[in-house]
């Protein structure tokens, strides 16, 4: 009897194993140093750039890294919203997607990982910020779904703070003169954007839990405006934030600044205590809400066969180098968190130092899921073999290429060196082992000719392969 029952159940069990679930939580503009799992891998001076002991507790994000893997050198293909997100869903560099810079709509021809999974019987859903449908703002439930069958709670762009359900569907709950605004007034644990989107995610997961599902949740925080609901709005007010060392040195003119660092609205000369404390609060709110999703998986016995990814579209400078937000090749602008848990295949506690970019996500996800047929052409690398082998630490020497959205600079990274080529200055070569603050240009210095030549050669090769427009349109200075 037991044997016959096992034979009856076996096909279903194998089917479940062959079709793992997928949950992706993507934040917006997230500084790596606000996550405990990243701070643990840094020296103290790098972990606490805003003052010793000033930190956000992120136990749920940290648990994903502890029970899965963490990538220490994962980069946005381009450190602004639209192009990085385009690469994430397509596996292509931005110039091949129709979305090389913000507010450019994704080309109709793009096949996303969601479309691949939808065709294989997955229930596919997307909630939160999309930013791949042009100028629409907020732009609820775009007509072009790109494989996300349930996109009722997808909005194109904006960093709204309060949502509600209406007869017309989801809407921004705060308005001025009839138009949605970023106001926080009255937001609570039911209506604040992060909470509201997670609650809608849990409803979808409850609906789809008995079938293979892929859910992507794109939270608009911790991108500015830096406001958050109570109690997170005062949770870190007791901290006294200090200027990062890079801010102090730039202000004191102790270091030369690259030509590709321009002024503009992202330049700052003062550190705002309120801005940083509210940013910390937004991160903590995100982590607490992630805990709800992880608890749902555990309660429904879905943990083992669900791939959970926590990441962001790009970083946030948070006053480093006298800058806020993103758009530059500095580590906390172009570097993004990437932690992944998949107990069925990925060993716990794995640390990967190899360089990857957002173009690598799609092919790697397919590799983890055992999908090799019917895939579109992609620029990225399938890293699933590195994710699933038994080695606890991996540091392959791989060089990746990253671009600015308008092509004024391009960069090549490996796990130690960074080469930035622009039309605005001589090459800048950073040695991140000796200079983690990214203050010193080693180009032309004794002992650095080999890494310069190696990164330059690989950068040129990748720019040609991936048809980088700056090769023809910009007068890049390679010497």
Protein backbone atom coordinates (compact mmCIF):
# COMPACT_ATOMS: atom_id res chain seq x y z
CA UNK A 1 0.00 0.00 0.00
CA UNK A 2 2.76 2.44 0.99
CA UNK A 3 4.76 1.55 -2.12
CA UNK A 4 1.81 2.10 -4.43
CA UNK A 5 1.04 5.41 -2.74
CA UNK A 6 4.64 6.53 -3.21
CA UNK A 7 4.51 5.61 -6.89
CA UNK A 8 1.30 7.57 -7.21
CA UNK A 9 2.77 10.67 -5.56
CA UNK A 10 6.23 10.51 -7.17
CA UNK A 11 5.35 12.21 -10.48
CA UNK A 12 3.83 15.14 -8.59
CA UNK A 13 6.86 15.43 -6.33
CA UNK A 14 9.22 15.37 -9.30
CA UNK A 15 7.08 17.94 -11.10
CA UNK A 16 7.35 20.25 -8.10
CA UNK A 17 11.12 19.81 -7.97
CA UNK A 18 11.39 20.53 -11.69
CA UNK A 19 9.32 23.70 -11.34
CA UNK A 20 10.66 25.67 -8.40
CA UNK A 21 8.81 28.81 -7.39
CA UNK A 22 10.44 32.22 -7.75
CA UNK A 23 10.08 35.33 -5.57
CA UNK A 24 12.12 38.44 -6.40
CA UNK A 25 12.16 41.43 -4.06
CA UNK A 26 13.77 44.41 -5.78
CA UNK A 27 14.20 47.65 -3.87
CA UNK A 28 15.01 51.01 -5.43
CA UNK A 29 18.28 52.87 -4.83
CA UNK A 30 19.67 50.73 -2.01
CA UNK A 31 23.04 51.33 -0.34
CA UNK A 32 24.88 48.06 0.37
CA UNK A 33 26.18 49.23 3.73
CA UNK A 34 22.68 49.31 5.23
CA UNK A 35 22.46 45.50 5.14
CA UNK A 36 23.99 43.46 7.93
CA UNK A 37 25.03 40.61 5.64
CA UNK A 38 27.19 43.03 3.63
CA UNK A 39 28.62 44.84 6.64
CA UNK A 40 29.79 41.49 8.02
CA UNK A 41 32.05 41.08 4.98
CA UNK A 42 33.56 44.58 5.23
CA UNK A 43 36.28 46.07 7.36
CA UNK A 44 34.93 48.23 10.18
CA UNK A 45 35.79 51.51 8.47
CA UNK A 46 33.89 50.43 5.35
CA UNK A 47 30.92 48.97 7.23
CA UNK A 48 30.36 52.10 9.30
CA UNK A 49 31.15 55.02 7.01
CA UNK A 50 28.54 57.22 8.77
CA UNK A 51 29.97 56.60 12.23
CA UNK A 52 30.98 53.58 14.29
CA UNK A 53 28.00 51.46 15.29
CA UNK A 54 25.50 53.36 13.13
CA UNK A 55 23.59 50.54 11.49
CA UNK A 56 20.22 49.17 10.43
CA UNK A 57 19.22 45.75 11.72
CA UNK A 58 18.17 43.57 8.76
CA UNK A 59 17.68 40.05 10.19
CA UNK A 60 15.44 38.73 7.43
CA UNK A 61 17.63 39.85 4.54
CA UNK A 62 20.62 38.54 6.49
CA UNK A 63 18.88 35.16 6.87
CA UNK A 64 18.64 34.81 3.09
CA UNK A 65 22.41 35.28 2.84
CA UNK A 66 23.05 32.91 5.75
CA UNK A 67 20.81 30.19 4.30
CA UNK A 68 21.81 30.83 0.69
CA UNK A 69 24.41 32.96 -1.07
CA UNK A 70 25.59 36.54 -1.21
CA UNK A 71 27.36 38.22 -4.14
CA UNK A 72 29.81 40.93 -3.09
CA UNK A 73 30.45 42.31 -6.59
CA UNK A 74 27.06 42.52 -8.29
CA UNK A 75 26.58 45.64 -10.41
CA UNK A 76 23.83 47.47 -12.24
CA UNK A 77 24.45 47.36 -15.99
CA UNK A 78 23.84 51.11 -15.82
CA UNK A 79 23.32 52.82 -12.45
CA UNK A 80 19.93 54.43 -13.04
CA UNK A 81 16.46 52.89 -12.83
CA UNK A 82 15.18 52.14 -16.32
CA UNK A 83 18.29 50.68 -18.01
CA UNK A 84 19.20 48.50 -15.03
CA UNK A 85 15.66 47.14 -14.78
CA UNK A 86 15.62 46.51 -18.53
CA UNK A 87 18.77 44.40 -18.22
CA UNK A 88 17.33 42.53 -15.24
CA UNK A 89 14.22 41.31 -17.06
CA UNK A 90 15.87 40.76 -20.47
CA UNK A 91 19.45 39.59 -19.90
CA UNK A 92 20.57 42.27 -22.38
CA UNK A 93 22.62 45.43 -22.07
CA UNK A 94 20.38 48.54 -22.07
CA UNK A 95 21.30 49.67 -25.58
CA UNK A 96 19.72 46.46 -26.94
CA UNK A 97 16.44 46.84 -25.04
CA UNK A 98 15.06 50.18 -26.20
CA UNK A 99 15.63 51.48 -22.66
CA UNK A 100 19.18 52.91 -22.54
CA UNK A 101 18.15 55.71 -20.14
CA UNK A 102 15.29 56.65 -17.83
CA UNK A 103 11.72 56.76 -19.16
CA UNK A 104 12.51 54.98 -22.43
CA UNK A 105 9.95 52.19 -22.93
CA UNK A 106 11.09 48.61 -23.26
CA UNK A 107 11.02 47.46 -26.88
CA UNK A 108 8.00 45.34 -27.85
CA UNK A 109 10.28 42.55 -29.08
CA UNK A 110 11.88 41.90 -25.68
CA UNK A 111 11.28 38.46 -24.19
CA UNK A 112 11.53 38.53 -20.40
CA UNK A 113 12.16 35.72 -17.93
CA UNK A 114 8.49 36.08 -16.92
CA UNK A 115 7.36 35.33 -20.47
CA UNK A 116 9.53 32.21 -20.55
CA UNK A 117 8.00 31.02 -17.27
CA UNK A 118 4.45 31.97 -18.27
CA UNK A 119 4.72 29.77 -21.33
CA UNK A 120 5.79 26.93 -19.05
CA UNK A 121 2.67 27.14 -16.95
CA UNK A 122 3.78 29.50 -14.21
CA UNK A 123 1.46 31.97 -12.52
CA UNK A 124 3.43 35.18 -13.07
CA UNK A 125 2.83 38.39 -11.12
CA UNK A 126 4.46 41.79 -10.76
CA UNK A 127 3.78 44.36 -8.07
CA UNK A 128 5.34 47.79 -7.60
CA UNK A 129 7.51 50.06 -9.68
CA UNK A 130 8.18 48.97 -13.28
CA UNK A 131 9.73 52.04 -14.98
CA UNK A 132 9.82 50.37 -18.40
CA UNK A 133 6.71 51.87 -19.97
CA UNK A 134 7.82 55.37 -20.89
CA UNK A 135 6.64 58.55 -19.19
CA UNK A 136 3.40 57.33 -17.59
CA UNK A 137 3.22 58.32 -13.91
CA UNK A 138 2.00 56.45 -11.98
CA UNK A 139 0.69 54.42 -14.93
CA UNK A 140 -1.12 51.50 -13.28
CA UNK A 141 -1.28 48.08 -14.97
CA UNK A 142 0.46 48.85 -18.29
CA UNK A 143 -1.17 47.19 -21.29
CA UNK A 144 2.12 45.56 -22.30
CA UNK A 145 2.61 42.89 -19.64
CA UNK A 146 5.87 41.33 -20.87
CA UNK A 147 4.93 37.95 -19.42
CA UNK A 148 3.61 39.12 -16.05
CA UNK A 149 0.04 37.84 -16.33
CA UNK A 150 -1.13 39.56 -13.16
CA UNK A 151 0.14 43.13 -13.24
CA UNK A 152 -2.81 44.81 -11.50
CA UNK A 153 -0.49 46.25 -8.86
CA UNK A 154 2.30 47.27 -11.23
CA UNK A 155 2.77 51.01 -11.70
CA UNK A 156 5.17 52.51 -14.18
CA UNK A 157 7.03 55.08 -12.12
CA UNK A 158 7.03 57.31 -9.06
CA UNK A 159 7.95 56.94 -5.39
CA UNK A 160 4.54 57.03 -3.82
CA UNK A 161 4.11 56.63 -0.08
CA UNK A 162 0.48 55.64 0.38
CA UNK A 163 -1.84 53.36 -1.62
CA UNK A 164 -5.49 52.36 -1.50
CA UNK A 165 -7.96 50.18 -3.38
CA UNK A 166 -10.78 51.96 -5.20
CA UNK A 167 -13.57 50.89 -7.54
CA UNK A 168 -11.20 51.69 -10.41
CA UNK A 169 -8.41 49.56 -8.91
CA UNK A 170 -5.28 50.47 -6.94
CA UNK A 171 -4.51 54.15 -6.62
CA UNK A 172 -2.16 56.56 -4.88
CA UNK A 173 -4.05 57.58 -1.73
CA UNK A 174 -2.63 61.09 -1.32
CA UNK A 175 -3.53 63.84 -3.77
CA UNK A 176 -3.13 67.56 -4.25
CA UNK A 177 -5.41 69.41 -6.65
CA UNK A 178 -6.67 66.02 -7.79
CA UNK A 179 -3.21 64.71 -8.70
CA UNK A 180 -1.24 62.01 -6.86
CA UNK A 181 1.62 63.26 -4.68
CA UNK A 182 4.38 61.76 -2.55
CA UNK A 183 2.73 62.88 0.68
CA UNK A 184 2.89 60.48 3.64
CA UNK A 185 -0.11 61.89 5.56
CA UNK A 186 -2.06 59.23 7.43
CA UNK A 187 -0.02 56.30 6.13
CA UNK A 188 -0.01 53.30 8.48
CA UNK A 189 0.84 49.59 8.41
CA UNK A 190 -2.07 48.96 6.04
CA UNK A 191 -1.58 51.82 3.57
CA UNK A 192 2.14 52.69 3.56
CA UNK A 193 3.57 51.69 0.18
CA UNK A 194 5.93 48.94 1.37
CA UNK A 195 3.33 47.36 3.67
CA UNK A 196 0.54 47.68 1.14
CA UNK A 197 2.50 46.07 -1.69
CA UNK A 198 3.67 43.22 0.54
CA UNK A 199 0.11 42.57 1.71
CA UNK A 200 -1.06 42.39 -1.90
CA UNK A 201 1.85 40.03 -2.61
CA UNK A 202 0.73 37.74 0.21
CA UNK A 203 -2.78 37.65 -1.25
CA UNK A 204 -1.38 36.58 -4.61
CA UNK A 205 0.89 33.97 -3.02
CA UNK A 206 -2.09 32.55 -1.14
CA UNK A 207 -4.00 32.32 -4.42
CA UNK A 208 -1.15 30.70 -6.35
CA UNK A 209 0.55 28.55 -3.70
CA UNK A 210 -0.64 25.24 -5.15
CA UNK A 211 0.81 25.92 -8.60
CA UNK A 212 4.28 26.97 -9.78
CA UNK A 213 4.54 30.72 -9.40
CA UNK A 214 6.89 33.59 -10.14
CA UNK A 215 6.27 36.81 -8.25
CA UNK A 216 8.34 39.97 -8.58
CA UNK A 217 7.86 42.68 -5.97
CA UNK A 218 9.53 46.00 -6.85
CA UNK A 219 9.38 48.28 -3.83
CA UNK A 220 9.74 52.04 -4.46
CA UNK A 221 11.77 52.54 -1.26
CA UNK A 222 14.39 53.39 -0.01
CA UNK A 223 14.59 55.82 -2.95
CA UNK A 224 13.74 59.37 -1.94
CA UNK A 225 11.75 61.19 -0.77
CA UNK A 226 13.19 59.97 2.52
CA UNK A 227 9.97 59.61 4.49
CA UNK A 228 8.55 56.57 6.24
CA UNK A 229 5.60 55.78 8.50
CA UNK A 230 5.72 55.46 12.27
CA UNK A 231 7.45 53.92 14.17
CA UNK A 232 10.22 53.75 11.56
CA UNK A 233 10.25 57.54 11.15
CA UNK A 234 11.90 58.00 14.56
CA UNK A 235 13.53 54.60 15.04
CA UNK A 236 17.02 55.87 14.18
CA UNK A 237 16.76 59.45 15.40
CA UNK A 238 19.08 58.60 18.30
CA UNK A 239 22.00 58.03 15.93
CA UNK A 240 24.49 60.79 15.21
CA UNK A 241 25.67 60.43 11.63
CA UNK A 242 29.14 61.55 10.61
CA UNK A 243 30.34 62.60 7.18
CA UNK A 244 31.92 59.67 5.30
CA UNK A 245 35.69 60.01 4.95
CA UNK A 246 35.28 60.49 1.20
CA UNK A 247 33.00 63.46 1.82
CA UNK A 248 35.44 65.03 4.26
CA UNK A 249 38.39 64.62 1.89
CA UNK A 250 36.53 65.94 -1.13
CA UNK A 251 35.33 68.96 0.83
CA UNK A 252 38.87 69.58 2.04
CA UNK A 253 40.15 69.29 -1.55
CA UNK A 254 42.67 66.68 -0.46
CA UNK A 255 41.96 64.51 -3.49
CA UNK A 256 41.58 65.22 -7.17
CA UNK A 257 38.10 64.59 -8.53
CA UNK A 258 37.47 62.79 -11.81
CA UNK A 259 36.08 64.81 -14.68
CA UNK A 260 33.05 62.52 -14.89
CA UNK A 261 31.91 63.70 -11.43
CA UNK A 262 29.77 66.71 -12.29
CA UNK A 263 27.66 69.00 -10.14
CA UNK A 264 23.91 68.94 -10.48
CA UNK A 265 21.14 68.11 -8.03
CA UNK A 266 22.93 65.04 -6.64
CA UNK A 267 25.89 67.05 -5.31
CA UNK A 268 25.82 67.75 -1.56
CA UNK A 269 28.07 69.64 0.85
CA UNK A 270 26.24 68.83 4.08
CA UNK A 271 25.05 65.60 5.64
CA UNK A 272 21.41 65.66 6.74
CA UNK A 273 20.76 63.73 9.95
CA UNK A 274 17.06 63.42 9.11
CA UNK A 275 17.70 62.15 5.58
CA UNK A 276 19.92 59.32 6.79
CA UNK A 277 17.77 58.35 9.78
CA UNK A 278 14.65 58.13 7.59
CA UNK A 279 16.60 56.12 5.00
CA UNK A 280 17.57 53.66 7.74
CA UNK A 281 13.91 53.52 8.77
CA UNK A 282 12.79 52.69 5.23
CA UNK A 283 15.31 49.84 5.08
CA UNK A 284 14.11 48.44 8.40
CA UNK A 285 10.49 48.60 7.22
CA UNK A 286 11.47 46.67 4.10
CA UNK A 287 13.22 44.00 6.15
CA UNK A 288 10.29 43.58 8.54
CA UNK A 289 7.94 43.12 5.59
CA UNK A 290 10.26 40.61 3.95
CA UNK A 291 9.84 38.64 7.16
CA UNK A 292 6.12 38.28 6.38
CA UNK A 293 6.89 36.72 3.00
CA UNK A 294 9.46 34.31 4.43
CA UNK A 295 7.00 33.31 7.17
CA UNK A 296 4.34 32.58 4.54
CA UNK A 297 6.72 30.26 2.69
CA UNK A 298 7.60 28.45 5.91
CA UNK A 299 3.99 28.09 7.05
CA UNK A 300 3.00 26.63 3.67
CA UNK A 301 6.04 24.32 3.37
CA UNK A 302 7.28 26.17 0.30
CA UNK A 303 10.73 27.19 1.54
CA UNK A 304 12.72 24.28 0.13
CA UNK A 305 11.63 24.69 -3.48
CA UNK A 306 11.28 28.45 -3.73
CA UNK A 307 14.06 30.63 -5.14
CA UNK A 308 14.03 33.89 -3.17
CA UNK A 309 16.12 36.79 -4.45
CA UNK A 310 16.68 40.11 -2.70
CA UNK A 311 18.28 42.84 -4.81
CA UNK A 312 17.99 46.45 -6.02
CA UNK A 313 18.11 48.30 -9.33
CA UNK A 314 21.13 50.43 -8.30
CA UNK A 315 22.79 51.89 -5.23
CA UNK A 316 22.69 55.20 -3.37
CA UNK A 317 25.80 57.27 -2.64
CA UNK A 318 24.42 58.55 0.69
CA UNK A 319 26.90 61.47 0.89
CA UNK A 320 29.97 59.46 -0.14
CA UNK A 321 32.15 61.58 -2.43
CA UNK A 322 29.75 64.49 -1.72
CA UNK A 323 27.01 62.81 -3.73
CA UNK A 324 23.52 61.47 -3.20
CA UNK A 325 21.62 58.95 -5.27
CA UNK A 326 23.25 57.23 -8.25
CA UNK A 327 24.59 57.63 -11.80
CA UNK A 328 28.33 57.25 -11.10
CA UNK A 329 30.72 54.26 -11.26
CA UNK A 330 31.49 54.39 -7.51
CA UNK A 331 30.80 51.13 -5.68
CA UNK A 332 27.81 52.32 -3.67
CA UNK A 333 26.18 53.80 -6.79
CA UNK A 334 26.68 50.98 -9.27
CA UNK A 335 26.99 48.13 -6.75
CA UNK A 336 23.76 46.42 -5.72
CA UNK A 337 22.80 43.88 -3.07
CA UNK A 338 22.23 40.39 -4.39
CA UNK A 339 21.33 37.57 -2.03
CA UNK A 340 19.63 34.36 -3.09
CA UNK A 341 18.18 31.44 -1.17
CA UNK A 342 17.23 28.14 -2.80
CA UNK A 343 17.64 25.33 -0.24
CA UNK A 344 16.98 22.57 -2.77
CA UNK A 345 20.12 23.45 -4.76
CA UNK A 346 22.19 26.28 -3.27
CA UNK A 347 24.44 25.48 -0.27
CA UNK A 348 23.98 27.72 2.75
CA UNK A 349 26.54 30.38 3.58
CA UNK A 350 28.07 30.73 0.12
CA UNK A 351 30.01 33.94 -0.62
CA UNK A 352 30.71 34.84 -4.25
CA UNK A 353 33.23 37.58 -5.04
CA UNK A 354 33.11 37.11 -8.83
CA UNK A 355 31.85 40.17 -10.71
CA UNK A 356 28.34 40.00 -12.20
CA UNK A 357 25.86 42.54 -13.56
CA UNK A 358 22.10 42.66 -13.93
CA UNK A 359 22.40 41.15 -17.44
CA UNK A 360 23.46 37.90 -15.74
CA UNK A 361 20.27 37.41 -13.73
CA UNK A 362 17.97 36.03 -16.45
CA UNK A 363 20.37 33.35 -17.77
CA UNK A 364 21.37 32.37 -14.23
CA UNK A 365 17.75 32.00 -13.14
CA UNK A 366 17.09 29.75 -16.11
CA UNK A 367 20.15 27.67 -15.22
CA UNK A 368 18.99 27.25 -11.63
CA UNK A 369 15.57 26.17 -12.87
CA UNK A 370 16.97 23.72 -15.42
CA UNK A 371 15.48 25.58 -18.39
CA UNK A 372 17.66 25.50 -21.50
CA UNK A 373 15.24 25.47 -24.44
CA UNK A 374 13.17 28.25 -25.95
CA UNK A 375 15.29 31.04 -24.52
CA UNK A 376 15.92 34.37 -26.25
CA UNK A 377 19.38 35.66 -27.11
CA UNK A 378 21.01 37.11 -24.00
CA UNK A 379 24.23 38.97 -23.23
CA UNK A 380 24.56 37.64 -19.69
CA UNK A 381 26.36 34.67 -18.18
CA UNK A 382 24.65 31.67 -16.60
CA UNK A 383 26.30 31.56 -13.17
CA UNK A 384 24.16 28.72 -11.81
CA UNK A 385 27.09 26.29 -11.68
CA UNK A 386 28.92 28.65 -9.32
CA UNK A 387 25.77 29.08 -7.23
CA UNK A 388 25.15 25.36 -6.79
CA UNK A 389 28.60 23.81 -6.39
CA UNK A 390 29.89 22.86 -2.94
CA UNK A 391 32.54 25.57 -2.63
CA UNK A 392 31.72 27.98 0.20
CA UNK A 393 33.66 30.89 -1.33
CA UNK A 394 34.19 31.66 -5.01
CA UNK A 395 36.40 34.41 -6.46
CA UNK A 396 36.73 33.83 -10.19
CA UNK A 397 38.58 36.56 -12.10
CA UNK A 398 35.84 37.86 -14.37
CA UNK A 399 35.67 41.33 -15.90
CA UNK A 400 32.29 42.95 -16.46
CA UNK A 401 31.37 46.13 -18.30
CA UNK A 402 29.02 48.86 -17.07
CA UNK A 403 27.84 52.01 -18.84
CA UNK A 404 26.47 55.42 -18.02
CA UNK A 405 23.03 55.95 -19.49
CA UNK A 406 24.18 58.68 -21.89
CA UNK A 407 27.57 57.08 -22.58
CA UNK A 408 29.77 59.76 -21.01
CA UNK A 409 31.63 57.03 -19.17
CA UNK A 410 32.03 53.28 -19.41
CA UNK A 411 33.75 51.06 -16.88
CA UNK A 412 35.26 47.61 -16.46
CA UNK A 413 35.27 45.90 -13.06
CA UNK A 414 36.77 42.77 -11.66
CA UNK A 415 36.90 41.86 -7.97
CA UNK A 416 39.92 44.08 -7.30
CA UNK A 417 40.31 46.72 -10.01
CA UNK A 418 38.01 49.23 -11.66
CA UNK A 419 38.79 51.11 -14.87
CA UNK A 420 36.64 54.11 -15.81
CA UNK A 421 36.96 55.52 -19.33
CA UNK A 422 35.23 58.75 -20.25
CA UNK A 423 35.19 61.62 -22.70
CA UNK A 424 35.71 64.02 -19.79
CA UNK A 425 39.04 62.95 -18.26
CA UNK A 426 42.02 60.63 -18.51
CA UNK A 427 41.40 57.00 -17.55
CA UNK A 428 40.82 56.37 -13.85
CA UNK A 429 42.11 53.07 -12.48
CA UNK A 430 41.12 52.12 -8.95
CA UNK A 431 42.74 49.47 -6.78
CA UNK A 432 39.87 48.56 -4.48
CA UNK A 433 42.07 46.36 -2.31
CA UNK A 434 44.44 49.20 -1.39
CA UNK A 435 41.97 52.06 -1.85
CA UNK A 436 38.43 50.91 -0.97
CA UNK A 437 37.34 54.55 -0.68
CA UNK A 438 38.00 55.04 -4.42
CA UNK A 439 40.03 58.23 -4.03
CA UNK A 440 43.29 57.46 -5.86
CA UNK A 441 43.87 57.20 -9.61
CA UNK A 442 46.51 54.52 -10.21
CA UNK A 443 46.57 55.06 -13.97
CA UNK A 444 50.18 55.58 -15.05
CA UNK A 445 51.60 54.57 -11.68
CA UNK A 446 54.38 52.03 -11.38
CA UNK A 447 53.08 48.48 -11.13
CA UNK A 448 49.65 49.18 -12.59
CA UNK A 449 50.30 48.85 -16.31
CA UNK A 450 49.22 45.18 -16.40
CA UNK A 451 45.77 45.62 -14.78
CA UNK A 452 45.16 48.74 -16.88
CA UNK A 453 45.97 46.95 -20.14
CA UNK A 454 43.98 43.88 -19.14
CA UNK A 455 40.84 45.79 -18.18
CA UNK A 456 41.12 48.12 -21.16
CA UNK A 457 41.44 45.19 -23.57
CA UNK A 458 38.43 43.40 -22.11
CA UNK A 459 36.37 46.58 -21.92
CA UNK A 460 36.95 47.32 -25.60
CA UNK A 461 36.11 43.74 -26.53
CA UNK A 462 32.81 43.81 -24.63
CA UNK A 463 31.89 47.24 -25.95
CA UNK A 464 32.32 45.95 -29.49
CA UNK A 465 30.46 42.70 -28.79
CA UNK A 466 27.51 44.46 -27.17
CA UNK A 467 27.53 47.40 -29.62
CA UNK A 468 28.19 50.15 -27.10
CA UNK A 469 27.03 53.43 -28.72
CA UNK A 470 29.73 55.47 -26.97
CA UNK A 471 32.38 53.83 -29.16
CA UNK A 472 31.04 55.80 -32.11
CA UNK A 473 29.26 58.73 -30.46
CA UNK A 474 31.73 59.80 -27.76
CA UNK A 475 35.40 60.68 -27.88
CA UNK A 476 36.41 58.32 -25.12
CA UNK A 477 39.92 58.78 -23.75
CA UNK A 478 41.62 55.40 -23.43
CA UNK A 479 45.08 56.87 -22.76
